[in-house]
């Protein structure tokens, strides 16, 4: 999702191990452009937490305001 919104991956490196280290050590950053809402940045932060036990679960993801929809409103 980050890559779709920003056109690049959140972390980069020249080798797999360096990428691993960058993911573990570099904080998640968001470019100023393209401008994205605080709500989507918040969701991305929850989705890209390093420790899987702390990461947003799939059920939680589908309950997030940006993804959840009210079928009655659509009708």
PDB file of N, CA and C in Angstrom:
ATOM      1  N   UNK A   1       0.829  -1.179   0.000  1.00  0.00           N
ATOM      2  CA  UNK A   1       0.000   0.000   0.000  1.00  0.00           C
ATOM      3  C   UNK A   1       0.880   1.252   0.000  1.00  0.00           C
ATOM      4  N   UNK A   2       1.961   1.221   0.789  1.00  0.00           N
ATOM      5  CA  UNK A   2       2.885   2.357   0.820  1.00  0.00           C
ATOM      6  C   UNK A   2       3.414   2.629  -0.589  1.00  0.00           C
ATOM      7  N   UNK A   3       3.821   1.587  -1.249  1.00  0.00           N
ATOM      8  CA  UNK A   3       4.389   1.736  -2.597  1.00  0.00           C
ATOM      9  C   UNK A   3       3.352   2.268  -3.592  1.00  0.00           C
ATOM     10  N   UNK A   4       2.122   1.843  -3.468  1.00  0.00           N
ATOM     11  CA  UNK A   4       1.066   2.361  -4.342  1.00  0.00           C
ATOM     12  C   UNK A   4       0.845   3.852  -4.118  1.00  0.00           C
ATOM     13  N   UNK A   5       0.929   4.290  -2.870  1.00  0.00           N
ATOM     14  CA  UNK A   5       0.668   5.690  -2.551  1.00  0.00           C
ATOM     15  C   UNK A   5       1.844   6.619  -2.815  1.00  0.00           C
ATOM     16  N   UNK A   6       3.073   6.098  -2.687  1.00  0.00           N
ATOM     17  CA  UNK A   6       4.262   6.941  -2.804  1.00  0.00           C
ATOM     18  C   UNK A   6       5.144   6.615  -4.007  1.00  0.00           C
ATOM     19  N   UNK A   7       4.875   5.512  -4.673  1.00  0.00           N
ATOM     20  CA  UNK A   7       5.655   5.166  -5.851  1.00  0.00           C
ATOM     21  C   UNK A   7       7.036   4.613  -5.567  1.00  0.00           C
ATOM     22  N   UNK A   8       7.264   4.214  -4.322  1.00  0.00           N
ATOM     23  CA  UNK A   8       8.550   3.613  -3.923  1.00  0.00           C
ATOM     24  C   UNK A   8       8.326   2.796  -2.667  1.00  0.00           C
ATOM     25  N   UNK A   9       9.283   1.964  -2.345  1.00  0.00           N
ATOM     26  CA  UNK A   9       9.175   1.174  -1.123  1.00  0.00           C
ATOM     27  C   UNK A   9       9.564   2.039   0.077  1.00  0.00           C
ATOM     28  N   UNK A  10       9.094   1.693   1.266  1.00  0.00           N
ATOM     29  CA  UNK A  10       9.409   2.516   2.431  1.00  0.00           C
ATOM     30  C   UNK A  10      10.886   2.465   2.839  1.00  0.00           C
ATOM     31  N   UNK A  11      11.552   1.380   2.550  1.00  0.00           N
ATOM     32  CA  UNK A  11      12.976   1.239   2.845  1.00  0.00           C
ATOM     33  C   UNK A  11      13.685   0.699   1.606  1.00  0.00           C
ATOM     34  N   UNK A  12      14.916   1.098   1.409  1.00  0.00           N
ATOM     35  CA  UNK A  12      15.695   0.620   0.274  1.00  0.00           C
ATOM     36  C   UNK A  12      17.094   0.200   0.740  1.00  0.00           C
ATOM     37  N   UNK A  13      17.759  -0.569  -0.095  1.00  0.00           N
ATOM     38  CA  UNK A  13      19.135  -1.001   0.168  1.00  0.00           C
ATOM     39  C   UNK A  13      19.664  -1.680  -1.080  1.00  0.00           C
ATOM     40  N   UNK A  14      20.968  -1.893  -1.099  1.00  0.00           N
ATOM     41  CA  UNK A  14      21.619  -2.549  -2.231  1.00  0.00           C
ATOM     42  C   UNK A  14      21.741  -4.059  -2.064  1.00  0.00           C
ATOM     43  N   UNK A  15      21.460  -4.549  -0.861  1.00  0.00           N
ATOM     44  CA  UNK A  15      21.583  -5.986  -0.591  1.00  0.00           C
ATOM     45  C   UNK A  15      20.509  -6.393   0.410  1.00  0.00           C
ATOM     46  N   UNK A  16      20.076  -7.638   0.363  1.00  0.00           N
ATOM     47  CA  UNK A  16      19.005  -8.090   1.261  1.00  0.00           C
ATOM     48  C   UNK A  16      19.299  -7.865   2.750  1.00  0.00           C
ATOM     49  N   UNK A  17      20.522  -8.160   3.173  1.00  0.00           N
ATOM     50  CA  UNK A  17      20.827  -7.984   4.594  1.00  0.00           C
ATOM     51  C   UNK A  17      20.797  -6.509   4.982  1.00  0.00           C
ATOM     52  N   UNK A  18      21.271  -5.651   4.112  1.00  0.00           N
ATOM     53  CA  UNK A  18      21.230  -4.212   4.393  1.00  0.00           C
ATOM     54  C   UNK A  18      19.787  -3.726   4.463  1.00  0.00           C
ATOM     55  N   UNK A  19      18.931  -4.262   3.606  1.00  0.00           N
ATOM     56  CA  UNK A  19      17.509  -3.914   3.655  1.00  0.00           C
ATOM     57  C   UNK A  19      16.918  -4.323   4.994  1.00  0.00           C
ATOM     58  N   UNK A  20      17.241  -5.517   5.433  1.00  0.00           N
ATOM     59  CA  UNK A  20      16.797  -5.993   6.744  1.00  0.00           C
ATOM     60  C   UNK A  20      17.221  -5.028   7.849  1.00  0.00           C
ATOM     61  N   UNK A  21      18.476  -4.618   7.824  1.00  0.00           N
ATOM     62  CA  UNK A  21      18.981  -3.680   8.836  1.00  0.00           C
ATOM     63  C   UNK A  21      18.275  -2.335   8.744  1.00  0.00           C
ATOM     64  N   UNK A  22      18.047  -1.852   7.537  1.00  0.00           N
ATOM     65  CA  UNK A  22      17.368  -0.571   7.361  1.00  0.00           C
ATOM     66  C   UNK A  22      15.947  -0.622   7.913  1.00  0.00           C
ATOM     67  N   UNK A  23      15.262  -1.720   7.653  1.00  0.00           N
ATOM     68  CA  UNK A  23      13.897  -1.877   8.162  1.00  0.00           C
ATOM     69  C   UNK A  23      13.907  -1.879   9.686  1.00  0.00           C
ATOM     70  N   UNK A  24      14.865  -2.563  10.277  1.00  0.00           N
ATOM     71  CA  UNK A  24      14.944  -2.654  11.735  1.00  0.00           C
ATOM     72  C   UNK A  24      15.348  -1.332  12.385  1.00  0.00           C
ATOM     73  N   UNK A  25      16.192  -0.518  11.695  1.00  0.00           N
ATOM     74  CA  UNK A  25      16.799   0.649  12.351  1.00  0.00           C
ATOM     75  C   UNK A  25      16.247   1.992  11.890  1.00  0.00           C
ATOM     76  N   UNK A  26      15.807   2.089  10.654  1.00  0.00           N
ATOM     77  CA  UNK A  26      15.355   3.384  10.142  1.00  0.00           C
ATOM     78  C   UNK A  26      13.873   3.574  10.413  1.00  0.00           C
ATOM     79  N   UNK A  27      13.511   4.726  10.958  1.00  0.00           N
ATOM     80  CA  UNK A  27      12.085   4.968  11.179  1.00  0.00           C
ATOM     81  C   UNK A  27      11.347   5.136   9.855  1.00  0.00           C
ATOM     82  N   UNK A  28      10.088   4.811   9.880  1.00  0.00           N
ATOM     83  CA  UNK A  28       9.248   4.980   8.698  1.00  0.00           C
ATOM     84  C   UNK A  28       9.084   6.472   8.434  1.00  0.00           C
ATOM     85  N   UNK A  29       9.324   6.887   7.206  1.00  0.00           N
ATOM     86  CA  UNK A  29       9.200   8.297   6.841  1.00  0.00           C
ATOM     87  C   UNK A  29       8.241   8.434   5.666  1.00  0.00           C
ATOM     88  N   UNK A  30       7.639   9.604   5.583  1.00  0.00           N
ATOM     89  CA  UNK A  30       6.713   9.914   4.502  1.00  0.00           C
ATOM     90  C   UNK A  30       7.191  11.164   3.782  1.00  0.00           C
ATOM     91  N   UNK A  31       7.312  11.087   2.464  1.00  0.00           N
ATOM     92  CA  UNK A  31       7.683  12.254   1.682  1.00  0.00           C
ATOM     93  C   UNK A  31       6.570  13.294   1.757  1.00  0.00           C
ATOM     94  N   UNK A  32       6.944  14.551   1.629  1.00  0.00           N
ATOM     95  CA  UNK A  32       5.955  15.630   1.645  1.00  0.00           C
ATOM     96  C   UNK A  32       5.059  15.569   0.406  1.00  0.00           C
ATOM     97  N   UNK A  33       5.631  15.112  -0.690  1.00  0.00           N
ATOM     98  CA  UNK A  33       4.855  14.989  -1.934  1.00  0.00           C
ATOM     99  C   UNK A  33       4.994  13.572  -2.445  1.00  0.00           C
ATOM    100  N   UNK A  34       3.940  12.955  -2.856  1.00  0.00           N
ATOM    101  CA  UNK A  34       2.590  13.500  -2.882  1.00  0.00           C
ATOM    102  C   UNK A  34       2.015  13.606  -1.472  1.00  0.00           C
ATOM    103  N   UNK A  35       1.234  14.634  -1.249  1.00  0.00           N
ATOM    104  CA  UNK A  35       0.618  14.855   0.058  1.00  0.00           C
ATOM    105  C   UNK A  35      -0.387  13.744   0.344  1.00  0.00           C
ATOM    106  N   UNK A  36      -0.327  13.220   1.530  1.00  0.00           N
ATOM    107  CA  UNK A  36      -1.256  12.179   1.963  1.00  0.00           C
ATOM    108  C   UNK A  36      -1.825  12.580   3.323  1.00  0.00           C
ATOM    109  N   UNK A  37      -3.012  12.126   3.608  1.00  0.00           N
ATOM    110  CA  UNK A  37      -3.682  12.484   4.863  1.00  0.00           C
ATOM    111  C   UNK A  37      -2.988  11.839   6.059  1.00  0.00           C
ATOM    112  N   UNK A  38      -3.198  12.438   7.218  1.00  0.00           N
ATOM    113  CA  UNK A  38      -2.673  11.854   8.450  1.00  0.00           C
ATOM    114  C   UNK A  38      -3.316  10.501   8.714  1.00  0.00           C
ATOM    115  N   UNK A  39      -4.567  10.341   8.295  1.00  0.00           N
ATOM    116  CA  UNK A  39      -5.267   9.073   8.508  1.00  0.00           C
ATOM    117  C   UNK A  39      -4.588   7.930   7.752  1.00  0.00           C
ATOM    118  N   UNK A  40      -4.196   8.156   6.513  1.00  0.00           N
ATOM    119  CA  UNK A  40      -3.531   7.086   5.746  1.00  0.00           C
ATOM    120  C   UNK A  40      -2.133   6.829   6.292  1.00  0.00           C
ATOM    121  N   UNK A  41      -1.443   7.871   6.727  1.00  0.00           N
ATOM    122  CA  UNK A  41      -0.119   7.685   7.322  1.00  0.00           C
ATOM    123  C   UNK A  41      -0.229   6.869   8.602  1.00  0.00           C
ATOM    124  N   UNK A  42      -1.250   7.143   9.390  1.00  0.00           N
ATOM    125  CA  UNK A  42      -1.478   6.393  10.617  1.00  0.00           C
ATOM    126  C   UNK A  42      -1.728   4.924  10.311  1.00  0.00           C
ATOM    127  N   UNK A  43      -2.544   4.658   9.308  1.00  0.00           N
ATOM    128  CA  UNK A  43      -2.819   3.278   8.911  1.00  0.00           C
ATOM    129  C   UNK A  43      -1.537   2.587   8.434  1.00  0.00           C
ATOM    130  N   UNK A  44      -0.752   3.264   7.628  1.00  0.00           N
ATOM    131  CA  UNK A  44       0.505   2.682   7.150  1.00  0.00           C
ATOM    132  C   UNK A  44       1.449   2.384   8.307  1.00  0.00           C
ATOM    133  N   UNK A  45       1.517   3.282   9.276  1.00  0.00           N
ATOM    134  CA  UNK A  45       2.366   3.027  10.452  1.00  0.00           C
ATOM    135  C   UNK A  45       1.932   1.751  11.168  1.00  0.00           C
ATOM    136  N   UNK A  46       0.630   1.566  11.302  1.00  0.00           N
ATOM    137  CA  UNK A  46       0.117   0.362  11.968  1.00  0.00           C
ATOM    138  C   UNK A  46       0.424  -0.896  11.160  1.00  0.00           C
ATOM    139  N   UNK A  47       0.385  -0.785   9.840  1.00  0.00           N
ATOM    140  CA  UNK A  47       0.620  -1.936   8.979  1.00  0.00           C
ATOM    141  C   UNK A  47       2.100  -2.295   8.863  1.00  0.00           C
ATOM    142  N   UNK A  48       2.979  -1.317   9.074  1.00  0.00           N
ATOM    143  CA  UNK A  48       4.402  -1.542   8.863  1.00  0.00           C
ATOM    144  C   UNK A  48       5.205  -1.633  10.158  1.00  0.00           C
ATOM    145  N   UNK A  49       4.542  -1.967  11.248  1.00  0.00           N
ATOM    146  CA  UNK A  49       5.238  -2.213  12.514  1.00  0.00           C
ATOM    147  C   UNK A  49       6.117  -3.442  12.328  1.00  0.00           C
ATOM    148  N   UNK A  50       7.335  -3.370  12.801  1.00  0.00           N
ATOM    149  CA  UNK A  50       8.305  -4.455  12.586  1.00  0.00           C
ATOM    150  C   UNK A  50       7.881  -5.749  13.285  1.00  0.00           C
ATOM    151  N   UNK A  51       7.570  -5.671  14.566  1.00  0.00           N
ATOM    152  CA  UNK A  51       7.205  -6.870  15.324  1.00  0.00           C
ATOM    153  C   UNK A  51       5.781  -7.288  14.970  1.00  0.00           C
ATOM    154  N   UNK A  52       5.628  -8.497  14.473  1.00  0.00           N
ATOM    155  CA  UNK A  52       4.303  -8.937  14.032  1.00  0.00           C
ATOM    156  C   UNK A  52       3.278  -8.980  15.155  1.00  0.00           C
ATOM    157  N   UNK A  53       3.717  -9.214  16.377  1.00  0.00           N
ATOM    158  CA  UNK A  53       2.779  -9.233  17.512  1.00  0.00           C
ATOM    159  C   UNK A  53       2.196  -7.846  17.770  1.00  0.00           C
ATOM    160  N   UNK A  54       2.885  -6.801  17.354  1.00  0.00           N
ATOM    161  CA  UNK A  54       2.440  -5.420  17.563  1.00  0.00           C
ATOM    162  C   UNK A  54       1.762  -4.821  16.328  1.00  0.00           C
ATOM    163  N   UNK A  55       1.862  -5.527  15.212  1.00  0.00           N
ATOM    164  CA  UNK A  55       1.333  -5.038  13.941  1.00  0.00           C
ATOM    165  C   UNK A  55      -0.188  -5.153  13.897  1.00  0.00           C
ATOM    166  N   UNK A  56      -0.796  -4.289  13.142  1.00  0.00           N
ATOM    167  CA  UNK A  56      -2.243  -4.301  12.912  1.00  0.00           C
ATOM    168  C   UNK A  56      -2.628  -5.650  12.302  1.00  0.00           C
ATOM    169  N   UNK A  57      -3.603  -6.303  12.911  1.00  0.00           N
ATOM    170  CA  UNK A  57      -4.057  -7.583  12.379  1.00  0.00           C
ATOM    171  C   UNK A  57      -4.970  -7.354  11.184  1.00  0.00           C
ATOM    172  N   UNK A  58      -5.206  -8.393  10.423  1.00  0.00           N
ATOM    173  CA  UNK A  58      -6.091  -8.286   9.266  1.00  0.00           C
ATOM    174  C   UNK A  58      -7.515  -7.897   9.684  1.00  0.00           C
ATOM    175  N   UNK A  59      -8.090  -8.515  10.721  1.00  0.00           N
ATOM    176  CA  UNK A  59      -9.420  -8.060  11.152  1.00  0.00           C
ATOM    177  C   UNK A  59      -9.429  -6.588  11.584  1.00  0.00           C
ATOM    178  N   UNK A  60      -8.358  -6.164  12.290  1.00  0.00           N
ATOM    179  CA  UNK A  60      -8.260  -4.757  12.695  1.00  0.00           C
ATOM    180  C   UNK A  60      -8.164  -3.849  11.475  1.00  0.00           C
ATOM    181  N   UNK A  61      -7.431  -4.289  10.484  1.00  0.00           N
ATOM    182  CA  UNK A  61      -7.281  -3.513   9.262  1.00  0.00           C
ATOM    183  C   UNK A  61      -8.641  -3.262   8.620  1.00  0.00           C
ATOM    184  N   UNK A  62      -9.464  -4.293   8.541  1.00  0.00           N
ATOM    185  CA  UNK A  62     -10.770  -4.150   7.915  1.00  0.00           C
ATOM    186  C   UNK A  62     -11.765  -3.368   8.770  1.00  0.00           C
ATOM    187  N   UNK A  63     -11.408  -3.119  10.016  1.00  0.00           N
ATOM    188  CA  UNK A  63     -12.244  -2.285  10.884  1.00  0.00           C
ATOM    189  C   UNK A  63     -11.789  -0.825  10.888  1.00  0.00           C
ATOM    190  N   UNK A  64     -10.654  -0.534  10.269  1.00  0.00           N
ATOM    191  CA  UNK A  64     -10.141   0.838  10.232  1.00  0.00           C
ATOM    192  C   UNK A  64     -11.096   1.722   9.431  1.00  0.00           C
ATOM    193  N   UNK A  65     -11.270   2.961   9.880  1.00  0.00           N
ATOM    194  CA  UNK A  65     -12.204   3.900   9.242  1.00  0.00           C
ATOM    195  C   UNK A  65     -11.952   4.093   7.755  1.00  0.00           C
ATOM    196  N   UNK A  66     -10.712   4.014   7.324  1.00  0.00           N
ATOM    197  CA  UNK A  66     -10.408   4.217   5.903  1.00  0.00           C
ATOM    198  C   UNK A  66     -10.821   3.037   5.031  1.00  0.00           C
ATOM    199  N   UNK A  67     -10.971   1.873   5.632  1.00  0.00           N
ATOM    200  CA  UNK A  67     -11.270   0.677   4.851  1.00  0.00           C
ATOM    201  C   UNK A  67     -12.685   0.184   5.085  1.00  0.00           C
ATOM    202  N   UNK A  68     -13.144   0.290   6.298  1.00  0.00           N
ATOM    203  CA  UNK A  68     -14.482  -0.182   6.639  1.00  0.00           C
ATOM    204  C   UNK A  68     -15.526   0.700   5.942  1.00  0.00           C
ATOM    205  N   UNK A  69     -16.554   0.055   5.472  1.00  0.00           N
ATOM    206  CA  UNK A  69     -17.618   0.833   4.863  1.00  0.00           C
ATOM    207  C   UNK A  69     -18.957   0.359   5.416  1.00  0.00           C
ATOM    208  N   UNK A  70     -19.893   1.263   5.371  1.00  0.00           N
ATOM    209  CA  UNK A  70     -21.241   0.977   5.842  1.00  0.00           C
ATOM    210  C   UNK A  70     -22.108   0.664   4.627  1.00  0.00           C
ATOM    211  N   UNK A  71     -22.516  -0.570   4.504  1.00  0.00           N
ATOM    212  CA  UNK A  71     -23.313  -0.986   3.337  1.00  0.00           C
ATOM    213  C   UNK A  71     -24.611  -0.192   3.233  1.00  0.00           C
ATOM    214  N   UNK A  72     -25.165   0.204   4.348  1.00  0.00           N
ATOM    215  CA  UNK A  72     -26.398   0.982   4.330  1.00  0.00           C
ATOM    216  C   UNK A  72     -26.187   2.357   3.694  1.00  0.00           C
ATOM    217  N   UNK A  73     -25.028   2.955   3.926  1.00  0.00           N
ATOM    218  CA  UNK A  73     -24.732   4.261   3.323  1.00  0.00           C
ATOM    219  C   UNK A  73     -24.569   4.141   1.820  1.00  0.00           C
ATOM    220  N   UNK A  74     -24.066   3.016   1.356  1.00  0.00           N
ATOM    221  CA  UNK A  74     -23.853   2.820  -0.076  1.00  0.00           C
ATOM    222  C   UNK A  74     -25.190   2.679  -0.800  1.00  0.00           C
ATOM    223  N   UNK A  75     -26.155   2.053  -0.149  1.00  0.00           N
ATOM    224  CA  UNK A  75     -27.470   1.866  -0.753  1.00  0.00           C
ATOM    225  C   UNK A  75     -28.102   3.218  -0.957  1.00  0.00           C
TER     226      UNK A  75
END
